[in-house]
C-alpha atoms as a PDB file:
ATOM      1  CA  MET A   1       0.000   0.001   0.005  1.00  0.00           C
ATOM      2  CA  PRO A   2       1.478   3.408  -0.938  1.00  0.00           C
ATOM      3  CA  GLN A   3       2.460   5.762   1.840  1.00  0.00           C
ATOM      4  CA  HIS A   4       1.257   9.325   1.544  1.00  0.00           C
ATOM      5  CA  ALA A   5       3.715  12.110   2.343  1.00  0.00           C
ATOM      6  CA  GLN A   6       2.615  14.697   4.898  1.00  0.00           C
ATOM      7  CA  ILE A   7       1.671  17.955   3.192  1.00  0.00           C
ATOM      8  CA  THR A   8       3.791  20.857   4.421  1.00  0.00           C
ATOM      9  CA  ARG A   9       2.160  24.241   4.094  1.00  0.00           C
ATOM     10  CA  VAL A  10       4.638  26.661   2.530  1.00  0.00           C
ATOM     11  CA  CYS A  11       4.336  30.350   3.372  1.00  0.00           C
ATOM     12  CA  ARG A  12       2.638  32.251   0.561  1.00  0.00           C
ATOM     13  CA  ASP A  13       4.659  35.429   1.154  1.00  0.00           C
ATOM     14  CA  CYS A  14       8.158  33.952   0.985  1.00  0.00           C
ATOM     15  CA  ASP A  15       7.593  30.576  -0.831  1.00  0.00           C
ATOM     16  CA  GLY A  16       9.567  28.732   1.830  1.00  0.00           C
ATOM     17  CA  PHE A  17      12.670  30.962   1.635  1.00  0.00           C
ATOM     18  CA  ALA A  18      12.073  32.644   4.969  1.00  0.00           C
ATOM     19  CA  THR A  19      15.483  34.214   5.567  1.00  0.00           C
ATOM     20  CA  THR A  20      17.634  36.006   3.017  1.00  0.00           C
ATOM     21  CA  ALA A  21      20.954  37.810   3.128  1.00  0.00           C
ATOM     22  CA  ILE A  22      21.272  40.963   1.054  1.00  0.00           C
ATOM     23  CA  THR A  23      24.681  42.490   0.332  1.00  0.00           C
ATOM     24  CA  THR A  24      24.741  46.280   0.439  1.00  0.00           C
ATOM     25  CA  GLY A  25      27.816  46.714  -1.767  1.00  0.00           C
ATOM     26  CA  THR A  26      29.851  48.377   0.956  1.00  0.00           C
ATOM     27  CA  ARG A  27      32.756  46.739   2.693  1.00  0.00           C
ATOM     28  CA  HIS A  28      34.000  46.626   6.254  1.00  0.00           C
ATOM     29  CA  ARG A  29      37.592  47.584   7.125  1.00  0.00           C
ATOM     30  CA  ASP A  30      38.650  43.920   7.075  1.00  0.00           C
ATOM     31  CA  GLY A  31      37.394  43.530   3.474  1.00  0.00           C
ATOM     32  CA  THR A  32      34.202  41.573   4.158  1.00  0.00           C
ATOM     33  CA  ARG A  33      30.974  42.798   2.623  1.00  0.00           C
ATOM     34  CA  ALA A  34      28.225  44.354   4.729  1.00  0.00           C
ATOM     35  CA  THR A  35      25.077  42.196   4.598  1.00  0.00           C
ATOM     36  CA  LEU A  36      21.532  42.632   5.868  1.00  0.00           C
ATOM     37  CA  ARG A  37      19.629  39.600   7.126  1.00  0.00           C
ATOM     38  CA  VAL A  38      15.881  39.818   6.390  1.00  0.00           C
ATOM     39  CA  THR A  39      13.271  37.442   7.864  1.00  0.00           C
ATOM     40  CA  CYS A  40       9.756  36.948   6.516  1.00  0.00           C
ATOM     41  CA  PRO A  41       7.270  38.716   8.823  1.00  0.00           C
ATOM     42  CA  ALA A  42       4.358  36.455   7.842  1.00  0.00           C
ATOM     43  CA  CYS A  43       5.887  33.120   8.964  1.00  0.00           C
ATOM     44  CA  LYS A  44       8.491  34.611  11.342  1.00  0.00           C
ATOM     45  CA  GLY A  45      11.382  32.801   9.640  1.00  0.00           C
ATOM     46  CA  THR A  46      10.010  29.265   9.670  1.00  0.00           C
ATOM     47  CA  GLY A  47       9.046  29.057   5.980  1.00  0.00           C
ATOM     48  CA  THR A  48       5.797  27.252   6.747  1.00  0.00           C
ATOM     49  CA  THR A  49       2.386  28.306   7.891  1.00  0.00           C
ATOM     50  CA  ALA A  50       0.206  26.692  10.530  1.00  0.00           C
ATOM     51  CA  PRO A  51      -2.906  24.740   9.488  1.00  0.00           C
ATOM     52  CA  ALA A  52      -6.139  26.781   9.474  1.00  0.00           C
ATOM     53  CA  GLY A  53      -7.451  25.149  12.657  1.00  0.00           C
ATOM     54  CA  VAL A  54      -4.341  26.034  14.668  1.00  0.00           C
ATOM     55  CA  VAL A  55      -4.192  29.752  13.931  1.00  0.00           C
ATOM     56  CA  ARG A  56      -5.555  31.849  16.766  1.00  0.00           C
ATOM     57  CA  ALA A  57      -7.566  35.009  16.117  1.00  0.00           C
ATOM     58  CA  GLY A  58      -8.651  37.713  18.510  1.00  0.00           C
ATOM     59  CA  ARG A  59      -7.209  38.344  21.899  1.00  0.00           C
END
């Protein structure tokens, strides 16, 4: 009997790539590039979303 894989809900805003590093083009004194680390605000860096029944609304 075939086994079914568990469906993982991927975040719609970041498509599963929750954290990115962006280079600014400037360099530090030691020669390394300055980078900014950006995290998806929708999934808070996990890359997945919670099932509809688990999400809490209200207070």
